[in-house]
PDB file of N, CA and C in Angstrom:
ATOM      1  N   MET A   1       0.569  -1.231  -0.045  1.00  0.00           N
ATOM      2  CA  MET A   1      -0.133   0.310   0.135  1.00  0.00           C
ATOM      3  C   MET A   1       0.750   1.014  -0.547  1.00  0.00           C
ATOM      4  N   GLU A   2       2.333   1.009   1.050  1.00  0.00           N
ATOM      5  CA  GLU A   2       2.638   2.650   0.576  1.00  0.00           C
ATOM      6  C   GLU A   2       3.876   2.777  -0.700  1.00  0.00           C
ATOM      7  N   THR A   3       4.155   1.590  -1.021  1.00  0.00           N
ATOM      8  CA  THR A   3       4.553   1.742  -2.580  1.00  0.00           C
ATOM      9  C   THR A   3       3.843   2.553  -3.737  1.00  0.00           C
ATOM     10  N   LEU A   4       1.931   2.141  -3.427  1.00  0.00           N
ATOM     11  CA  LEU A   4       1.087   2.239  -4.218  1.00  0.00           C
ATOM     12  C   LEU A   4       0.543   3.576  -4.547  1.00  0.00           C
ATOM     13  N   LEU A   5       0.966   4.257  -2.959  1.00  0.00           N
ATOM     14  CA  LEU A   5       0.591   5.457  -2.537  1.00  0.00           C
ATOM     15  C   LEU A   5       1.499   6.553  -3.246  1.00  0.00           C
ATOM     16  N   LEU A   6       2.685   5.949  -2.926  1.00  0.00           N
ATOM     17  CA  LEU A   6       3.775   6.374  -3.313  1.00  0.00           C
ATOM     18  C   LEU A   6       3.942   7.068  -4.757  1.00  0.00           C
ATOM     19  N   TRP A   7       3.558   5.945  -5.430  1.00  0.00           N
ATOM     20  CA  TRP A   7       3.974   6.372  -7.001  1.00  0.00           C
ATOM     21  C   TRP A   7       2.276   7.075  -7.366  1.00  0.00           C
ATOM     22  N   ILE A   8       1.561   7.193  -6.589  1.00  0.00           N
ATOM     23  CA  ILE A   8       0.295   7.532  -6.824  1.00  0.00           C
ATOM     24  C   ILE A   8       0.561   9.583  -6.714  1.00  0.00           C
ATOM     25  N   GLY A   9       1.423   9.590  -5.830  1.00  0.00           N
ATOM     26  CA  GLY A   9       1.701  11.139  -5.317  1.00  0.00           C
ATOM     27  C   GLY A   9       2.633  11.360  -5.856  1.00  0.00           C
ATOM     28  N   ARG A  10       3.451  10.714  -6.826  1.00  0.00           N
ATOM     29  CA  ARG A  10       4.422  11.435  -7.619  1.00  0.00           C
ATOM     30  C   ARG A  10       3.320  11.557  -8.815  1.00  0.00           C
ATOM     31  N   LEU A  11       2.848  10.530  -9.332  1.00  0.00           N
ATOM     32  CA  LEU A  11       1.923  11.236 -10.450  1.00  0.00           C
ATOM     33  C   LEU A  11       1.652  12.012 -10.805  1.00  0.00           C
ATOM     34  N   ALA A  12       0.708  12.024  -9.522  1.00  0.00           N
ATOM     35  CA  ALA A  12      -0.999  13.258  -9.315  1.00  0.00           C
ATOM     36  C   ALA A  12       0.232  14.728  -9.175  1.00  0.00           C
ATOM     37  N   GLY A  13       1.384  14.428  -8.344  1.00  0.00           N
ATOM     38  CA  GLY A  13       2.486  15.802  -8.473  1.00  0.00           C
ATOM     39  C   GLY A  13       2.921  16.376  -9.773  1.00  0.00           C
ATOM     40  N   ILE A  14       3.445  14.975 -10.230  1.00  0.00           N
ATOM     41  CA  ILE A  14       3.729  15.739 -11.786  1.00  0.00           C
ATOM     42  C   ILE A  14       2.784  16.227 -13.067  1.00  0.00           C
ATOM     43  N   ALA A  15       1.611  15.579 -12.685  1.00  0.00           N
ATOM     44  CA  ALA A  15       0.201  15.757 -13.784  1.00  0.00           C
ATOM     45  C   ALA A  15       0.063  17.166 -13.327  1.00  0.00           C
ATOM     46  N   GLY A  16       0.043  17.474 -11.801  1.00  0.00           N
ATOM     47  CA  GLY A  16      -0.565  18.754 -11.997  1.00  0.00           C
ATOM     48  C   GLY A  16       0.527  19.860 -12.440  1.00  0.00           C
ATOM     49  N   LEU A  17       1.918  19.577 -11.955  1.00  0.00           N
ATOM     50  CA  LEU A  17       2.733  20.168 -12.269  1.00  0.00           C
ATOM     51  C   LEU A  17       2.408  21.092 -13.701  1.00  0.00           C
ATOM     52  N   ALA A  18       2.472  20.113 -14.592  1.00  0.00           N
ATOM     53  CA  ALA A  18       2.406  19.999 -15.980  1.00  0.00           C
ATOM     54  C   ALA A  18       0.888  21.254 -16.194  1.00  0.00           C
ATOM     55  N   MET A  19      -0.005  20.626 -15.149  1.00  0.00           N
ATOM     56  CA  MET A  19      -1.137  21.435 -16.173  1.00  0.00           C
ATOM     57  C   MET A  19      -1.192  22.793 -15.742  1.00  0.00           C
ATOM     58  N   VAL A  20      -0.653  23.205 -14.199  1.00  0.00           N
ATOM     59  CA  VAL A  20      -0.124  24.516 -13.901  1.00  0.00           C
ATOM     60  C   VAL A  20       0.375  24.937 -14.390  1.00  0.00           C
ATOM     61  N   ALA A  21       1.380  24.601 -15.268  1.00  0.00           N
ATOM     62  CA  ALA A  21       3.108  25.347 -16.052  1.00  0.00           C
ATOM     63  C   ALA A  21       1.860  25.514 -17.738  1.00  0.00           C
ATOM     64  N   TRP A  22       1.113  24.827 -17.633  1.00  0.00           N
ATOM     65  CA  TRP A  22       0.801  24.819 -19.135  1.00  0.00           C
ATOM     66  C   TRP A  22      -0.653  26.354 -19.189  1.00  0.00           C
ATOM     67  N   ALA A  23      -1.341  26.100 -17.592  1.00  0.00           N
ATOM     68  CA  ALA A  23      -2.227  26.991 -17.651  1.00  0.00           C
ATOM     69  C   ALA A  23      -1.591  28.548 -17.533  1.00  0.00           C
ATOM     70  N   ALA A  24      -0.503  28.339 -17.089  1.00  0.00           N
ATOM     71  CA  ALA A  24       0.796  30.455 -16.833  1.00  0.00           C
ATOM     72  C   ALA A  24       0.881  29.992 -18.193  1.00  0.00           C
ATOM     73  N   TYR A  25       1.401  29.295 -18.349  1.00  0.00           N
ATOM     74  CA  TYR A  25       2.046  29.733 -20.044  1.00  0.00           C
ATOM     75  C   TYR A  25       1.139  30.377 -21.349  1.00  0.00           C
ATOM     76  N   SER A  26      -0.036  29.727 -21.242  1.00  0.00           N
ATOM     77  CA  SER A  26      -1.151  29.356 -22.019  1.00  0.00           C
ATOM     78  C   SER A  26      -1.801  31.170 -20.977  1.00  0.00           C
ATOM     79  N   ARG A  27      -1.873  31.521 -19.979  1.00  0.00           N
ATOM     80  CA  ARG A  27      -2.717  32.817 -19.961  1.00  0.00           C
ATOM     81  C   ARG A  27      -1.762  33.688 -19.770  1.00  0.00           C
ATOM     82  N   LEU A  28      -0.060  33.508 -19.849  1.00  0.00           N
ATOM     83  CA  LEU A  28       0.980  34.620 -20.088  1.00  0.00           C
ATOM     84  C   LEU A  28       1.080  35.057 -22.162  1.00  0.00           C
ATOM     85  N   THR A  29       0.643  34.097 -22.308  1.00  0.00           N
ATOM     86  CA  THR A  29       0.420  34.225 -23.801  1.00  0.00           C
ATOM     87  C   THR A  29      -0.806  34.787 -24.433  1.00  0.00           C
ATOM     88  N   GLY A  30      -1.889  35.155 -23.443  1.00  0.00           N
ATOM     89  CA  GLY A  30      -2.622  35.969 -24.165  1.00  0.00           C
ATOM     90  C   GLY A  30      -4.276  35.145 -24.361  1.00  0.00           C
ATOM     91  N   ILE A  31      -4.504  32.909 -23.865  1.00  0.00           N
ATOM     92  CA  ILE A  31      -4.977  32.698 -24.601  1.00  0.00           C
ATOM     93  C   ILE A  31      -6.061  32.295 -23.455  1.00  0.00           C
ATOM     94  N   TYR A  32      -7.118  32.514 -23.400  1.00  0.00           N
ATOM     95  CA  TYR A  32      -8.292  32.296 -22.137  1.00  0.00           C
ATOM     96  C   TYR A  32      -8.693  31.034 -21.658  1.00  0.00           C
ATOM     97  N   PHE A  33      -8.661  30.137 -23.181  1.00  0.00           N
ATOM     98  CA  PHE A  33      -9.111  28.839 -23.345  1.00  0.00           C
ATOM     99  C   PHE A  33      -8.031  27.866 -24.013  1.00  0.00           C
ATOM    100  N   ALA A  34      -7.756  26.680 -23.317  1.00  0.00           N
ATOM    101  CA  ALA A  34      -6.741  25.444 -23.811  1.00  0.00           C
ATOM    102  C   ALA A  34      -7.845  24.275 -23.788  1.00  0.00           C
ATOM    103  N   ALA A  35      -7.885  23.433 -24.826  1.00  0.00           N
ATOM    104  CA  ALA A  35      -8.345  22.060 -24.870  1.00  0.00           C
ATOM    105  C   ALA A  35      -9.878  21.919 -24.724  1.00  0.00           C
ATOM    106  N   GLY A  36     -10.206  23.113 -24.642  1.00  0.00           N
ATOM    107  CA  GLY A  36     -12.161  23.603 -24.689  1.00  0.00           C
ATOM    108  C   GLY A  36     -12.222  24.154 -23.052  1.00  0.00           C
ATOM    109  N   TYR A  37     -11.308  24.534 -22.410  1.00  0.00           N
ATOM    110  CA  TYR A  37     -11.213  24.747 -20.611  1.00  0.00           C
ATOM    111  C   TYR A  37     -11.081  26.082 -20.711  1.00  0.00           C
ATOM    112  N   GLN A  38     -11.383  26.932 -19.536  1.00  0.00           N
ATOM    113  CA  GLN A  38     -11.072  28.142 -19.122  1.00  0.00           C
ATOM    114  C   GLN A  38      -9.814  27.724 -18.796  1.00  0.00           C
ATOM    115  N   VAL A  39      -8.419  28.143 -18.849  1.00  0.00           N
ATOM    116  CA  VAL A  39      -7.517  28.181 -17.824  1.00  0.00           C
ATOM    117  C   VAL A  39      -7.016  28.717 -16.709  1.00  0.00           C
ATOM    118  N   GLY A  40      -8.422  29.540 -16.121  1.00  0.00           N
ATOM    119  CA  GLY A  40      -8.460  29.027 -14.776  1.00  0.00           C
ATOM    120  C   GLY A  40      -8.915  27.656 -14.596  1.00  0.00           C
ATOM    121  N   THR A  41      -9.575  26.938 -14.517  1.00  0.00           N
ATOM    122  CA  THR A  41      -9.766  25.826 -14.392  1.00  0.00           C
ATOM    123  C   THR A  41      -9.308  24.960 -14.243  1.00  0.00           C
ATOM    124  N   LEU A  42      -8.320  24.990 -15.310  1.00  0.00           N
ATOM    125  CA  LEU A  42      -7.262  24.155 -15.855  1.00  0.00           C
ATOM    126  C   LEU A  42      -6.204  24.370 -14.590  1.00  0.00           C
ATOM    127  N   LEU A  43      -5.663  25.649 -14.600  1.00  0.00           N
ATOM    128  CA  LEU A  43      -5.317  26.307 -12.712  1.00  0.00           C
ATOM    129  C   LEU A  43      -5.440  25.263 -11.320  1.00  0.00           C
ATOM    130  N   LEU A  44      -6.810  25.335 -11.537  1.00  0.00           N
ATOM    131  CA  LEU A  44      -7.548  24.986 -10.439  1.00  0.00           C
ATOM    132  C   LEU A  44      -7.106  23.693 -10.405  1.00  0.00           C
ATOM    133  N   ALA A  45      -7.138  22.670 -11.523  1.00  0.00           N
ATOM    134  CA  ALA A  45      -7.487  21.203 -11.638  1.00  0.00           C
ATOM    135  C   ALA A  45      -5.645  20.620 -11.165  1.00  0.00           C
ATOM    136  N   GLY A  46      -4.919  21.828 -12.217  1.00  0.00           N
ATOM    137  CA  GLY A  46      -3.624  21.038 -11.402  1.00  0.00           C
ATOM    138  C   GLY A  46      -2.780  21.693  -9.894  1.00  0.00           C
ATOM    139  N   ILE A  47      -3.973  22.767  -9.675  1.00  0.00           N
ATOM    140  CA  ILE A  47      -3.392  22.712  -8.077  1.00  0.00           C
ATOM    141  C   ILE A  47      -4.207  21.615  -6.843  1.00  0.00           C
ATOM    142  N   ALA A  48      -5.297  21.531  -7.558  1.00  0.00           N
ATOM    143  CA  ALA A  48      -6.552  19.902  -7.085  1.00  0.00           C
ATOM    144  C   ALA A  48      -5.181  18.834  -7.107  1.00  0.00           C
ATOM    145  N   ALA A  49      -4.643  18.962  -8.170  1.00  0.00           N
ATOM    146  CA  ALA A  49      -3.866  17.059  -8.331  1.00  0.00           C
ATOM    147  C   ALA A  49      -2.394  16.825  -7.847  1.00  0.00           C
ATOM    148  N   MET A  50      -2.149  18.614  -7.484  1.00  0.00           N
ATOM    149  CA  MET A  50      -0.644  18.297  -6.523  1.00  0.00           C
ATOM    150  C   MET A  50      -0.913  18.464  -5.427  1.00  0.00           C
ATOM    151  N   LEU A  51      -2.533  19.212  -4.585  1.00  0.00           N
ATOM    152  CA  LEU A  51      -2.691  19.252  -3.541  1.00  0.00           C
ATOM    153  C   LEU A  51      -2.983  17.054  -3.405  1.00  0.00           C
ATOM    154  N   ALA A  52      -3.719  16.359  -3.734  1.00  0.00           N
ATOM    155  CA  ALA A  52      -3.515  15.028  -4.197  1.00  0.00           C
ATOM    156  C   ALA A  52      -2.431  14.434  -3.766  1.00  0.00           C
ATOM    157  N   GLY A  53      -1.505  14.772  -5.081  1.00  0.00           N
ATOM    158  CA  GLY A  53       0.509  14.211  -4.381  1.00  0.00           C
ATOM    159  C   GLY A  53       0.648  14.313  -3.108  1.00  0.00           C
ATOM    160  N   CYS A  54       0.559  15.291  -2.726  1.00  0.00           N
ATOM    161  CA  CYS A  54       1.184  15.502  -1.367  1.00  0.00           C
ATOM    162  C   CYS A  54      -0.208  14.990   0.165  1.00  0.00           C
ATOM    163  N   LEU A  55      -1.075  14.608  -0.032  1.00  0.00           N
ATOM    164  CA  LEU A  55      -2.025  14.610   0.996  1.00  0.00           C
ATOM    165  C   LEU A  55      -1.387  12.622   0.743  1.00  0.00           C
ATOM    166  N   CYS A  56      -0.991  11.790  -0.329  1.00  0.00           N
ATOM    167  CA  CYS A  56      -0.909  10.773  -0.542  1.00  0.00           C
ATOM    168  C   CYS A  56       0.709  11.040   0.150  1.00  0.00           C
ATOM    169  N   PHE A  57       1.459  11.896  -0.229  1.00  0.00           N
ATOM    170  CA  PHE A  57       2.995  11.699   0.624  1.00  0.00           C
ATOM    171  C   PHE A  57       2.652  11.083   2.196  1.00  0.00           C
ATOM    172  N   LEU A  58       1.761  12.953   2.600  1.00  0.00           N
ATOM    173  CA  LEU A  58       1.113  12.709   3.749  1.00  0.00           C
ATOM    174  C   LEU A  58       1.232  11.374   4.718  1.00  0.00           C
ATOM    175  N   VAL A  59       0.186  10.686   4.543  1.00  0.00           N
ATOM    176  CA  VAL A  59      -0.465   9.552   4.184  1.00  0.00           C
ATOM    177  C   VAL A  59       0.709   8.362   4.286  1.00  0.00           C
ATOM    178  N   VAL A  60       1.670   8.213   3.819  1.00  0.00           N
ATOM    179  CA  VAL A  60       2.902   7.618   3.823  1.00  0.00           C
ATOM    180  C   VAL A  60       4.179   8.131   4.659  1.00  0.00           C
ATOM    181  N   LEU A  61       4.270   9.215   4.872  1.00  0.00           N
ATOM    182  CA  LEU A  61       5.574   9.857   6.644  1.00  0.00           C
ATOM    183  C   LEU A  61       4.302   9.439   7.271  1.00  0.00           C
ATOM    184  N   THR A  62       2.944   9.746   8.081  1.00  0.00           N
ATOM    185  CA  THR A  62       2.490   9.378   8.993  1.00  0.00           C
ATOM    186  C   THR A  62       2.080   7.814   9.554  1.00  0.00           C
ATOM    187  N   ASP A  63       2.467   7.169   8.431  1.00  0.00           N
ATOM    188  CA  ASP A  63       1.959   5.800   8.342  1.00  0.00           C
ATOM    189  C   ASP A  63       3.619   5.684   8.803  1.00  0.00           C
ATOM    190  N   ARG A  64       4.454   5.996   8.024  1.00  0.00           N
ATOM    191  CA  ARG A  64       6.398   5.239   8.712  1.00  0.00           C
ATOM    192  C   ARG A  64       6.676   6.019  10.028  1.00  0.00           C
ATOM    193  N   SER A  65       5.846   7.091  10.574  1.00  0.00           N
ATOM    194  CA  SER A  65       6.171   7.451  12.169  1.00  0.00           C
ATOM    195  C   SER A  65       5.653   6.658  13.070  1.00  0.00           C
ATOM    196  N   ARG A  66       4.614   6.202  12.560  1.00  0.00           N
ATOM    197  CA  ARG A  66       3.773   5.479  14.026  1.00  0.00           C
ATOM    198  C   ARG A  66       4.578   3.996  13.879  1.00  0.00           C
ATOM    199  N   ARG A  67       5.168   3.673  12.971  1.00  0.00           N
ATOM    200  CA  ARG A  67       6.299   2.401  13.001  1.00  0.00           C
ATOM    201  C   ARG A  67       7.227   2.563  13.840  1.00  0.00           C
TER     202      ARG A  67
END
């Protein structure tokens, strides 16, 4: 379970970082819509994905400290 949570955390963090970077680049170049979504929505989804990754890592860290 620990290994699975670590991989989920890593993948969610990488995906979130990519979405945030894409949203920031799009907005800086003056584009308001990307892939049919507003850029703000993509930014929010990227932040949520990074948060999910952080929470997965937090679960792993707290589980390790209990042992």
